[in-house]
N, C-alpha and C. Protein backbone atom coordinates (compact mmCIF):
# COMPACT_ATOMS: atom_id res chain seq x y z
N MET A 1 51.18 -6.05 26.18
CA MET A 1 51.00 -5.10 24.85
C MET A 1 50.75 -4.03 24.89
N THR A 2 50.71 -3.49 23.59
CA THR A 2 50.13 -1.66 23.49
C THR A 2 49.39 -2.44 21.49
N PHE A 3 49.44 -1.14 22.17
CA PHE A 3 47.74 -1.31 20.99
C PHE A 3 47.80 0.49 20.53
N GLU A 4 47.34 1.22 19.68
CA GLU A 4 46.74 1.79 19.18
C GLU A 4 45.56 1.92 18.08
N CYS A 5 44.95 2.35 18.35
CA CYS A 5 43.74 2.27 17.45
C CYS A 5 44.06 3.53 15.62
N GLY A 6 43.40 2.63 15.15
CA GLY A 6 43.69 2.18 13.71
C GLY A 6 42.64 3.94 12.77
N ASP A 7 43.71 3.75 12.09
CA ASP A 7 42.96 5.62 11.48
C ASP A 7 41.15 5.50 10.92
N LEU A 8 40.53 6.48 10.98
CA LEU A 8 39.46 5.57 10.39
C LEU A 8 39.52 5.74 8.61
N SER A 9 40.08 6.44 7.85
CA SER A 9 39.89 5.81 6.84
C SER A 9 40.84 5.08 6.27
N ILE A 10 40.81 4.40 7.26
CA ILE A 10 41.20 3.18 6.37
C ILE A 10 40.68 1.55 7.35
N TYR A 11 40.74 1.55 8.57
CA TYR A 11 40.64 0.29 8.69
C TYR A 11 38.63 0.84 9.80
N GLN A 12 37.79 -0.15 10.51
CA GLN A 12 36.97 0.22 11.11
C GLN A 12 37.46 0.60 11.84
N SER A 13 36.13 0.91 12.29
CA SER A 13 36.25 1.49 14.07
C SER A 13 35.87 0.45 14.55
N GLY A 14 37.17 0.71 15.84
CA GLY A 14 37.18 -0.10 17.03
C GLY A 14 38.78 -0.57 16.31
N THR A 15 38.52 -0.95 15.61
CA THR A 15 40.18 -1.81 14.61
C THR A 15 41.80 -1.03 16.11
N ALA A 16 42.09 -1.97 16.69
CA ALA A 16 43.08 -1.46 17.01
C ALA A 16 44.24 -2.49 16.68
N LEU A 17 45.62 -1.22 16.73
CA LEU A 17 46.94 -1.90 16.15
C LEU A 17 47.96 -2.64 17.65
N TYR A 18 48.16 -3.71 17.03
CA TYR A 18 49.00 -4.23 18.99
C TYR A 18 50.62 -3.86 18.02
N SER A 19 50.87 -3.70 19.77
CA SER A 19 52.17 -3.74 18.99
C SER A 19 53.19 -5.34 18.47
N ASP A 20 53.21 -6.76 18.41
CA ASP A 20 52.92 -7.11 18.25
C ASP A 20 53.00 -7.28 16.63
N GLY A 21 51.78 -5.66 16.06
CA GLY A 21 52.52 -6.05 14.35
C GLY A 21 50.44 -7.01 14.06
N SER A 22 49.74 -7.34 15.49
CA SER A 22 48.65 -8.22 15.13
C SER A 22 47.42 -6.78 15.16
N THR A 23 46.46 -7.20 14.39
CA THR A 23 45.11 -6.50 14.95
C THR A 23 44.03 -6.86 15.34
N GLY A 24 43.00 -6.30 16.09
CA GLY A 24 41.83 -7.02 17.17
C GLY A 24 41.23 -5.47 17.26
N TYR A 25 40.57 -5.55 17.53
CA TYR A 25 39.48 -5.24 18.70
C TYR A 25 39.01 -4.69 19.72
N GLU A 26 39.45 -3.38 20.30
CA GLU A 26 39.17 -2.44 21.49
C GLU A 26 37.71 -1.79 21.95
N PRO A 27 37.73 -1.73 22.54
CA PRO A 27 36.07 -0.58 23.15
C PRO A 27 36.97 0.43 23.09
N SER A 28 37.78 0.80 23.60
CA SER A 28 38.28 2.18 23.43
C SER A 28 38.54 3.16 21.88
N CYS A 29 38.95 2.20 21.16
CA CYS A 29 38.40 2.52 19.04
C CYS A 29 38.33 2.43 19.26
N ASP A 30 36.27 2.42 19.27
CA ASP A 30 35.13 1.86 19.64
C ASP A 30 34.63 3.21 19.16
N THR A 31 35.00 3.95 17.89
CA THR A 31 34.16 5.38 17.53
C THR A 31 32.59 5.54 17.12
N TYR A 32 32.13 4.47 16.39
CA TYR A 32 30.63 4.24 15.94
C TYR A 32 29.62 4.92 16.85
N VAL A 33 29.06 5.32 17.15
CA VAL A 33 27.97 6.45 17.36
C VAL A 33 26.81 5.21 16.62
N PRO A 34 25.50 4.47 16.44
CA PRO A 34 25.03 4.89 15.87
C PRO A 34 23.78 5.49 16.45
N ALA A 35 22.85 6.62 14.97
CA ALA A 35 22.04 7.45 15.46
C ALA A 35 21.21 6.93 16.37
N VAL A 36 20.24 8.64 17.60
CA VAL A 36 19.40 7.39 17.74
C VAL A 36 17.90 8.15 17.63
N THR A 37 17.75 7.44 17.06
CA THR A 37 16.16 8.18 16.22
C THR A 37 15.05 8.00 17.01
N THR A 38 14.79 8.55 17.56
CA THR A 38 13.61 9.36 18.16
C THR A 38 11.65 9.25 17.70
N GLU A 39 12.33 9.85 16.53
CA GLU A 39 10.83 10.21 15.68
C GLU A 39 10.18 8.86 14.48
N PRO A 40 8.92 8.70 13.92
CA PRO A 40 8.54 7.38 14.26
C PRO A 40 9.03 7.82 12.08
N PRO A 41 9.04 6.59 10.88
CA PRO A 41 9.01 7.18 9.53
C PRO A 41 8.29 8.20 8.69
N ALA A 42 8.63 9.26 7.57
CA ALA A 42 7.72 9.98 7.93
C ALA A 42 6.66 9.29 7.66
N LYS A 43 4.80 10.01 6.94
CA LYS A 43 4.27 9.89 7.21
C LYS A 43 3.56 10.56 5.62
N ILE A 44 4.04 9.64 4.23
CA ILE A 44 3.41 10.35 3.40
C ILE A 44 2.77 9.59 2.85
N LEU A 45 1.63 10.64 1.80
CA LEU A 45 0.26 9.91 1.49
C LEU A 45 1.03 8.92 0.45
N ARG A 46 0.83 8.11 0.02
CA ARG A 46 0.74 7.45 -1.44
C ARG A 46 -0.37 7.65 -2.48
N TYR A 47 -1.81 7.57 -1.71
CA TYR A 47 -2.87 7.59 -2.72
C TYR A 47 -4.22 7.86 -1.64
N CYS A 48 -5.13 7.70 -2.52
CA CYS A 48 -5.91 7.73 -1.36
C CYS A 48 -6.77 6.66 -2.41
N ASP A 49 -7.99 6.31 -0.82
CA ASP A 49 -8.33 4.94 -1.42
C ASP A 49 -10.05 5.72 -1.25
N TYR A 50 -10.73 4.95 -1.78
CA TYR A 50 -12.04 5.08 -1.97
C TYR A 50 -12.67 4.71 -0.43
N PRO A 51 -13.93 4.89 0.07
CA PRO A 51 -13.88 5.96 -0.22
C PRO A 51 -13.27 7.71 0.14
N GLY A 52 -12.94 7.76 0.50
CA GLY A 52 -11.24 9.14 0.74
C GLY A 52 -10.93 9.02 1.71
N THR A 53 -9.79 7.19 1.54
CA THR A 53 -9.48 6.87 2.99
C THR A 53 -7.41 7.14 2.57
N ALA A 54 -7.18 7.57 2.70
CA ALA A 54 -5.78 7.94 2.68
C ALA A 54 -4.69 7.28 3.26
N VAL A 55 -4.47 6.23 2.19
CA VAL A 55 -2.67 4.84 2.81
C VAL A 55 -1.61 6.55 2.46
N TYR A 56 -0.65 5.90 3.74
CA TYR A 56 0.34 6.15 3.97
C TYR A 56 1.87 5.18 3.46
N THR A 57 3.01 6.27 3.22
CA THR A 57 4.21 4.91 2.51
C THR A 57 4.36 3.83 4.17
N ASP A 58 4.14 4.26 5.24
CA ASP A 58 4.62 3.45 6.27
C ASP A 58 3.98 2.62 6.89
N GLY A 59 2.35 2.30 5.85
CA GLY A 59 1.24 1.03 5.81
C GLY A 59 0.03 2.23 6.37
N SER A 60 0.50 2.61 7.69
CA SER A 60 -0.24 2.76 8.52
C SER A 60 -2.06 4.15 7.18
N TYR A 61 -3.31 4.88 7.32
CA TYR A 61 -4.10 4.75 6.38
C TYR A 61 -4.61 6.03 8.01
N SER A 62 -5.88 7.14 7.26
CA SER A 62 -7.04 7.92 8.06
C SER A 62 -7.95 8.47 6.91
N THR A 63 -8.65 8.57 7.34
CA THR A 63 -9.94 8.71 7.02
C THR A 63 -10.48 10.10 7.14
N THR A 64 -9.67 10.99 7.62
CA THR A 64 -8.86 12.35 8.20
C THR A 64 -8.23 13.56 7.54
N ASP A 65 -7.25 12.26 6.25
CA ASP A 65 -6.38 13.22 6.06
C ASP A 65 -7.16 14.51 5.16
N PRO A 66 -7.29 15.33 4.96
CA PRO A 66 -7.82 16.55 4.09
C PRO A 66 -7.37 15.78 2.24
N ALA A 67 -6.01 15.77 2.28
CA ALA A 67 -5.63 15.51 1.02
C ALA A 67 -6.03 14.80 0.43
N CYS A 68 -7.49 13.71 0.73
CA CYS A 68 -9.05 12.76 -0.08
C CYS A 68 -9.95 13.28 0.58
N ALA A 69 -10.35 14.85 0.76
CA ALA A 69 -11.65 15.65 1.97
C ALA A 69 -12.56 15.74 0.40
N ALA A 70 -11.90 15.99 -0.77
CA ALA A 70 -12.10 15.68 -2.03
C ALA A 70 -13.22 14.72 -2.51
N MET A 71 -12.94 13.51 -2.42
CA MET A 71 -13.09 11.76 -2.74
C MET A 71 -14.34 11.28 -1.74
N ARG A 72 -14.24 12.09 -0.21
CA ARG A 72 -14.71 12.30 0.68
C ARG A 72 -16.31 12.49 0.27
N ALA A 73 -16.06 14.38 0.28
CA ALA A 73 -17.43 15.08 -0.01
C ALA A 73 -17.78 14.86 -1.47
N GLU A 74 -17.73 13.47 -2.19
CA GLU A 74 -18.30 13.47 -3.15
C GLU A 74 -18.77 12.39 -3.41
N ASN A 75 -18.75 11.52 -2.41
CA ASN A 75 -19.73 10.37 -1.46
C ASN A 75 -20.42 10.62 -0.90
N THR A 76 -21.77 11.30 -1.63
CA THR A 76 -22.99 11.36 -0.88
C THR A 76 -23.18 9.81 -0.45
N ASN A 77 -23.67 9.51 -1.61
CA ASN A 77 -24.53 7.73 -0.45
C ASN A 77 -23.30 6.41 -0.25
N PRO A 78 -22.74 7.05 1.30
CA PRO A 78 -21.37 6.37 1.46
C PRO A 78 -21.96 4.74 2.19
N ASN A 79 -21.36 4.22 1.89
CA ASN A 79 -21.10 2.71 1.91
C ASN A 79 -20.59 2.17 3.51
N PRO A 80 -21.70 2.77 4.34
CA PRO A 80 -20.76 1.60 5.68
C PRO A 80 -19.42 1.43 6.28
N GLY A 81 -19.81 -0.30 6.01
CA GLY A 81 -18.95 -0.98 5.23
C GLY A 81 -17.44 -0.78 4.88
N GLY A 82 -17.76 0.43 4.07
CA GLY A 82 -15.99 0.22 2.74
C GLY A 82 -16.74 0.47 1.34
N GLY A 83 -15.95 0.22 0.81
CA GLY A 83 -16.60 -0.81 -0.24
C GLY A 83 -16.50 0.63 -1.80
N TYR A 84 -17.96 0.28 -2.26
CA TYR A 84 -18.87 0.52 -3.41
C TYR A 84 -19.48 1.24 -2.42
N PRO A 85 -20.06 2.10 -3.19
CA PRO A 85 -21.74 3.28 -2.58
C PRO A 85 -22.07 2.36 -1.99
N TYR A 86 -23.07 2.22 -0.95
CA TYR A 86 -23.92 0.86 -0.44
C TYR A 86 -25.58 1.22 -1.20
N ASP A 87 -25.52 0.47 -1.97
CA ASP A 87 -27.75 0.38 -2.62
C ASP A 87 -27.78 -1.03 -2.32
N PRO A 88 -28.20 -1.00 -1.68
CA PRO A 88 -29.76 -2.30 -1.12
C PRO A 88 -30.25 -3.74 -2.36
N GLU A 89 -30.12 -2.74 -2.71
CA GLU A 89 -30.23 -3.77 -3.91
C GLU A 89 -28.72 -4.44 -4.29
N GLU A 90 -27.87 -4.20 -4.14
CA GLU A 90 -26.96 -4.72 -4.82
C GLU A 90 -26.13 -5.41 -3.65
N ASP A 91 -26.68 -5.17 -2.08
CA ASP A 91 -26.16 -5.86 -1.07
C ASP A 91 -27.10 -7.58 -1.25
N ARG A 92 -26.44 -8.13 -2.32
CA ARG A 92 -26.52 -9.03 -2.14
C ARG A 92 -26.24 -10.62 -1.63
N ASN A 93 -25.44 -10.26 0.21
CA ASN A 93 -25.37 -11.20 1.04
C ASN A 93 -26.00 -10.68 2.11
N GLY A 94 -26.66 -9.17 2.20
CA GLY A 94 -27.55 -8.58 2.23
C GLY A 94 -26.01 -7.96 4.22
N ASP A 95 -24.60 -8.35 3.60
CA ASP A 95 -23.75 -7.81 5.13
C ASP A 95 -23.34 -6.50 4.97
N GLY A 96 -24.12 -5.43 4.87
CA GLY A 96 -24.26 -4.08 5.36
C GLY A 96 -23.24 -3.32 4.09
N VAL A 97 -22.47 -3.24 3.16
CA VAL A 97 -21.21 -3.97 2.10
C VAL A 97 -21.24 -4.46 0.44
N VAL A 98 -21.36 -3.50 -0.40
CA VAL A 98 -21.36 -4.02 -0.99
C VAL A 98 -19.85 -3.95 -1.84
N ASN A 99 -19.35 -5.10 -1.84
CA ASN A 99 -18.47 -5.76 -3.04
C ASN A 99 -18.84 -5.47 -4.21
N GLY A 100 -16.80 -5.42 -4.99
CA GLY A 100 -17.55 -5.34 -6.20
C GLY A 100 -17.92 -6.39 -6.84
N TYR A 101 -17.28 -7.25 -6.40
CA TYR A 101 -18.17 -8.45 -6.99
C TYR A 101 -19.76 -8.99 -6.45
N GLU A 102 -20.41 -8.17 -6.56
CA GLU A 102 -22.21 -7.57 -5.37
C GLU A 102 -22.42 -6.49 -6.93
N ARG A 103 -21.52 -5.82 -7.18
CA ARG A 103 -22.29 -4.98 -7.38
C ARG A 103 -22.60 -5.74 -9.42
N CYS A 104 -23.92 -4.42 -9.90
CA CYS A 104 -24.47 -4.21 -11.63
C CYS A 104 -23.83 -4.49 -12.04
N GLY A 105 -23.27 -3.69 -12.66
CA GLY A 105 -22.14 -3.50 -13.17
C GLY A 105 -23.21 -3.05 -14.47
N VAL A 106 -21.89 -2.77 -15.72
CA VAL A 106 -22.26 -3.14 -17.15
C VAL A 106 -24.26 -3.21 -17.53
N ARG A 107 -24.73 -4.71 -16.91
CA ARG A 107 -26.20 -4.78 -17.35
C ARG A 107 -27.25 -3.80 -16.91
N CYS A 108 -26.72 -2.65 -15.79
CA CYS A 108 -27.74 -2.25 -15.01
C CYS A 108 -27.11 -0.42 -15.16
N GLY A 109 -26.32 -0.25 -16.35
CA GLY A 109 -25.44 1.25 -17.16
C GLY A 109 -24.62 1.66 -15.73
N ASP A 110 -24.12 0.80 -14.99
CA ASP A 110 -22.40 1.40 -14.55
C ASP A 110 -21.73 1.52 -14.79
N ALA A 111 -20.77 1.46 -14.21
CA ALA A 111 -19.16 1.58 -13.89
C ALA A 111 -18.89 -0.16 -14.79
N PRO A 112 -18.40 -0.88 -14.84
CA PRO A 112 -18.00 -1.85 -15.35
C PRO A 112 -17.42 -2.18 -14.11
N THR A 113 -17.91 -3.88 -13.70
CA THR A 113 -16.92 -4.41 -12.91
C THR A 113 -16.25 -5.55 -13.07
N SER A 114 -14.89 -5.98 -12.03
CA SER A 114 -14.10 -6.97 -11.94
C SER A 114 -14.39 -8.12 -13.54
N GLY A 115 -15.63 -8.10 -12.28
CA GLY A 115 -16.08 -9.49 -14.02
C GLY A 115 -16.79 -8.78 -15.63
N ASP A 116 -16.94 -7.86 -15.53
CA ASP A 116 -17.93 -7.70 -17.12
C ASP A 116 -16.22 -7.18 -17.73
N ILE A 117 -15.37 -6.72 -16.87
CA ILE A 117 -13.54 -6.39 -17.90
C ILE A 117 -14.25 -7.97 -17.82
N GLN A 118 -13.50 -8.86 -17.96
CA GLN A 118 -13.17 -10.45 -17.88
C GLN A 118 -13.86 -11.15 -18.80
N THR A 119 -15.50 -11.03 -18.54
CA THR A 119 -15.93 -11.17 -19.46
C THR A 119 -15.99 -11.13 -20.42
N GLN A 120 -15.91 -9.26 -21.24
CA GLN A 120 -15.31 -8.88 -22.24
C GLN A 120 -14.68 -9.40 -22.58
N HIS A 121 -13.01 -9.17 -22.70
CA HIS A 121 -12.11 -10.22 -23.10
C HIS A 121 -12.07 -11.70 -23.62
N GLY A 122 -13.02 -12.14 -22.40
CA GLY A 122 -13.71 -13.59 -22.88
C GLY A 122 -13.99 -13.31 -24.41
N CYS A 123 -14.97 -12.64 -24.36
CA CYS A 123 -16.11 -12.63 -25.66
C CYS A 123 -15.52 -11.96 -26.97
N GLU A 124 -13.99 -11.09 -26.60
CA GLU A 124 -13.29 -10.73 -27.61
C GLU A 124 -12.27 -11.60 -28.28
N GLN A 125 -11.93 -12.00 -27.48
CA GLN A 125 -11.24 -13.43 -27.58
C GLN A 125 -11.23 -14.82 -27.79
N GLY A 126 -12.80 -14.83 -28.18
CA GLY A 126 -14.01 -15.97 -28.51
C GLY A 126 -14.23 -17.43 -27.50
N TYR A 127 -13.24 -17.49 -26.03
CA TYR A 127 -13.79 -18.38 -26.35
C TYR A 127 -14.65 -18.27 -24.57
N ILE A 128 -15.47 -16.93 -24.48
CA ILE A 128 -16.90 -17.53 -24.03
C ILE A 128 -18.28 -16.91 -25.16
N THR A 129 -19.10 -17.06 -25.79
CA THR A 129 -19.37 -16.76 -26.90
C THR A 129 -21.31 -16.54 -26.01
N GLY A 130 -21.95 -16.39 -27.08
CA GLY A 130 -23.41 -16.26 -26.56
C GLY A 130 -24.11 -15.26 -26.61
N ALA A 131 -25.37 -15.39 -25.81
CA ALA A 131 -26.05 -13.96 -24.74
C ALA A 131 -25.22 -13.47 -24.01
N VAL A 132 -24.28 -13.60 -22.91
CA VAL A 132 -23.14 -13.38 -22.22
C VAL A 132 -22.85 -12.29 -22.59
N CYS A 133 -22.53 -12.20 -23.96
CA CYS A 133 -21.14 -11.69 -24.86
C CYS A 133 -21.49 -10.37 -25.28
N GLU A 134 -23.49 -10.10 -25.38
CA GLU A 134 -25.05 -9.78 -25.94
C GLU A 134 -23.93 -7.66 -25.10
N PRO A 135 -23.68 -7.59 -24.12
CA PRO A 135 -23.72 -6.56 -23.41
C PRO A 135 -22.04 -6.31 -24.40
N TYR A 136 -21.38 -6.55 -24.37
CA TYR A 136 -20.20 -6.07 -24.68
C TYR A 136 -20.32 -5.67 -26.62
N THR A 137 -20.75 -6.28 -27.28
CA THR A 137 -20.01 -6.05 -28.68
C THR A 137 -21.30 -4.80 -29.08
N GLY A 138 -21.62 -4.23 -28.65
CA GLY A 138 -22.01 -2.53 -28.44
C GLY A 138 -22.08 -2.49 -29.86
């Protein structure tokens, strides 16, 4: 039985048309060659995370990307473990890192913590009441 390769505009690469009218696969008809990629995916800056860490679309990150340098320059009181600027008074568990839940927030005249935002919402909705709502009822 003989065959000829199928027209690529009609058939998939590798399709053979046999003399008996059937079709099948023949390696000599397979002209598909997958693209060889030796380059890693492009690193595209997704955003600058605190304190100036560049986060890329491929999941990697860098602490030296010039695109995030301004954020690093503003960080005059760095937190060696990451997170918020280090204030030993806010380091409640003594691990050398100030996480959001350790920050003082509104009570200290600082930016609100996630807990402050949740408490304010509860006070506004009425399911939290009393003295805890005083800082949010300006």
